[in-house]
Amino acid sequence: MGSIAAMKAVAVLFFLSLSGFVLAGKVKEVKELQIGVKYKPESCELQARKGDKVRVHYRGKLTDGTVFDSSFERGDPISFELGTGQVIKGWDQGILGMCIGEKRKLKIPAKLGYGEQGSPPTIPGGATLIFDTELVEILGRGSKPNDDEL
């Protein structure tokens, strides 16, 4: 009798651990953009806005911790015009309002990243992306003034 109870207990524990593993994987996937400010300079005279040409250092990871790209290691930040679709939507949204020197962690759902198709071979379809970012420089303002400048 004792061995049947023990086998049932093992089966239940196995099922629970398997369920926990599956649930743990789901928790890491995000449905909406999550922005975590990791460092913000004391003074912020200039914030990144749509149309600005910016330089950003980044480290991109999958939810399992695999690094798929990093400008930090290359020593070469990426330059792009913010809010114009030159980068994934999660970046266009997640970099807005950053101060020079600010560091943010962006958790980007697939719909604001590379979608269901991914970016083979390094980024699987439907992947949540995690980026550690640092705004290095705002190189120039876009030609369109903001409403608050009118």
Protein backbone atom coordinates (compact mmCIF):
# COMPACT_ATOMS: atom_id res chain seq x y z
CA MET A 1 0.00 0.00 0.00
CA GLY A 2 2.77 2.43 0.91
CA SER A 3 4.47 2.14 -2.48
CA ILE A 4 1.27 3.03 -4.40
CA ALA A 5 0.85 6.16 -2.29
CA ALA A 6 4.50 7.02 -2.86
CA MET A 7 4.10 6.56 -6.63
CA LYS A 8 1.02 8.80 -6.61
CA ALA A 9 2.93 11.43 -4.63
CA VAL A 10 5.82 11.29 -7.11
CA ALA A 11 3.38 11.58 -10.04
CA VAL A 12 1.68 14.60 -8.44
CA LEU A 13 5.04 16.26 -7.70
CA PHE A 14 6.20 15.61 -11.25
CA PHE A 15 2.99 17.12 -12.65
CA LEU A 16 3.26 20.16 -10.36
CA SER A 17 6.90 20.75 -11.24
CA LEU A 18 6.11 20.40 -14.93
CA SER A 19 3.17 22.81 -14.55
CA GLY A 20 5.39 25.24 -12.66
CA PHE A 21 7.95 25.10 -15.45
CA VAL A 22 5.31 25.86 -18.08
CA LEU A 23 3.81 28.64 -15.98
CA ALA A 24 7.24 30.11 -15.28
CA GLY A 25 7.86 30.32 -19.03
CA LYS A 26 4.55 32.14 -19.54
CA VAL A 27 5.24 34.70 -16.82
CA LYS A 28 8.32 35.95 -18.66
CA GLU A 29 6.39 36.70 -21.84
CA VAL A 30 4.86 40.17 -21.81
CA LYS A 31 1.79 41.42 -23.65
CA GLU A 32 2.52 45.16 -23.44
CA LEU A 33 5.70 47.25 -23.43
CA GLN A 34 7.25 47.47 -19.98
CA ILE A 35 9.72 50.27 -19.25
CA GLY A 36 11.94 50.17 -16.18
CA VAL A 37 14.11 53.20 -15.43
CA LYS A 38 17.38 51.84 -14.04
CA TYR A 39 19.25 55.16 -13.81
CA LYS A 40 18.19 58.76 -14.39
CA PRO A 41 20.66 61.67 -14.23
CA GLU A 42 20.00 64.37 -11.64
CA SER A 43 19.66 67.02 -14.31
CA CYS A 44 17.87 66.44 -17.58
CA GLU A 45 17.94 69.44 -19.87
CA LEU A 46 17.10 67.50 -23.00
CA GLN A 47 14.71 64.56 -23.43
CA ALA A 48 14.51 62.36 -26.52
CA ARG A 49 11.42 63.06 -28.60
CA LYS A 50 9.96 61.96 -31.92
CA GLY A 51 12.13 63.06 -34.84
CA ASP A 52 15.35 63.34 -32.83
CA LYS A 53 18.42 61.59 -34.15
CA VAL A 54 19.68 59.61 -31.16
CA ARG A 55 22.58 57.34 -30.25
CA VAL A 56 21.73 54.42 -27.97
CA HIS A 57 23.81 51.67 -26.41
CA TYR A 58 21.94 48.41 -25.91
CA ARG A 59 22.13 44.76 -24.96
CA GLY A 60 19.35 42.58 -26.38
CA LYS A 61 18.36 39.35 -24.66
CA LEU A 62 15.72 36.67 -24.98
CA THR A 63 13.70 35.77 -21.89
CA ASP A 64 16.01 32.79 -21.21
CA GLY A 65 18.93 35.22 -20.86
CA THR A 66 20.53 34.52 -24.25
CA VAL A 67 22.19 37.72 -25.54
CA PHE A 68 21.52 38.09 -29.26
CA ASP A 69 23.15 41.49 -29.83
CA SER A 70 25.04 44.12 -27.84
CA SER A 71 26.47 47.48 -28.87
CA PHE A 72 28.22 47.71 -25.48
CA GLU A 73 30.65 44.93 -26.44
CA ARG A 74 31.26 46.49 -29.87
CA GLY A 75 31.69 49.96 -28.34
CA ASP A 76 29.44 51.33 -31.08
CA PRO A 77 25.99 52.70 -30.15
CA ILE A 78 23.24 52.57 -32.75
CA SER A 79 22.08 55.85 -34.34
CA PHE A 80 18.54 56.33 -35.63
CA GLU A 81 15.72 58.83 -35.93
CA LEU A 82 13.32 58.25 -33.07
CA GLY A 83 9.65 57.58 -33.79
CA THR A 84 10.01 57.09 -37.53
CA GLY A 85 10.03 53.29 -37.83
CA GLN A 86 13.78 52.88 -38.33
CA VAL A 87 13.84 50.51 -35.34
CA ILE A 88 11.27 48.14 -33.82
CA LYS A 89 8.14 49.79 -32.35
CA GLY A 90 9.13 48.85 -28.80
CA TRP A 91 12.24 50.99 -29.18
CA ASP A 92 10.42 53.91 -30.80
CA GLN A 93 8.08 53.93 -27.79
CA GLY A 94 10.55 52.91 -25.07
CA ILE A 95 13.25 55.48 -25.82
CA LEU A 96 10.85 58.45 -25.91
CA GLY A 97 11.41 60.86 -23.04
CA MET A 98 14.84 59.50 -22.09
CA CYS A 99 17.48 61.89 -20.80
CA ILE A 100 21.08 61.75 -21.99
CA GLY A 101 22.81 59.22 -19.73
CA GLU A 102 19.53 57.58 -18.66
CA LYS A 103 19.40 53.79 -18.54
CA ARG A 104 16.22 51.80 -19.10
CA LYS A 105 15.25 48.15 -19.29
CA LEU A 106 12.66 47.55 -22.01
CA LYS A 107 10.59 44.37 -22.05
CA ILE A 108 9.10 44.27 -25.52
CA PRO A 109 6.30 41.91 -26.57
CA ALA A 110 6.57 40.24 -29.97
CA LYS A 111 3.92 42.54 -31.47
CA LEU A 112 6.24 45.53 -30.84
CA GLY A 113 9.37 43.56 -31.75
CA TYR A 114 9.84 41.06 -34.57
CA GLY A 115 6.33 39.57 -34.46
CA GLU A 116 5.38 35.98 -35.05
CA GLN A 117 8.01 35.58 -37.79
CA GLY A 118 10.93 36.57 -35.51
CA SER A 119 14.32 37.35 -36.99
CA PRO A 120 15.96 33.99 -37.74
CA PRO A 121 18.28 32.53 -36.76
CA THR A 122 18.82 34.54 -33.55
CA ILE A 123 15.29 35.64 -32.57
CA PRO A 124 12.52 33.04 -32.61
CA GLY A 125 8.99 33.89 -33.70
CA GLY A 126 6.76 35.33 -30.99
CA ALA A 127 9.72 36.19 -28.76
CA THR A 128 9.56 38.73 -25.96
CA LEU A 129 12.73 40.83 -26.11
CA ILE A 130 14.57 42.42 -23.20
CA PHE A 131 16.84 45.38 -23.87
CA ASP A 132 19.15 47.17 -21.48
CA THR A 133 19.45 50.61 -23.07
CA GLU A 134 21.39 53.82 -22.44
CA LEU A 135 20.77 57.07 -24.28
CA VAL A 136 24.26 58.25 -25.18
CA GLU A 137 23.52 61.34 -27.23
CA ILE A 138 20.87 63.37 -29.01
CA LEU A 139 22.56 64.34 -32.26
CA GLY A 140 19.90 66.61 -33.67
CA ARG A 141 16.31 67.70 -33.43
CA GLY A 142 13.81 66.69 -36.08
CA SER A 143 12.37 69.31 -38.39
CA LYS A 144 8.86 69.09 -36.91
CA PRO A 145 8.35 71.22 -33.80
CA ASN A 146 6.33 69.82 -30.91
CA ASP A 147 3.06 71.52 -29.97
CA ASP A 148 4.69 72.93 -26.83
CA GLU A 149 7.20 74.82 -28.97
CA LEU A 150 4.55 76.72 -30.95
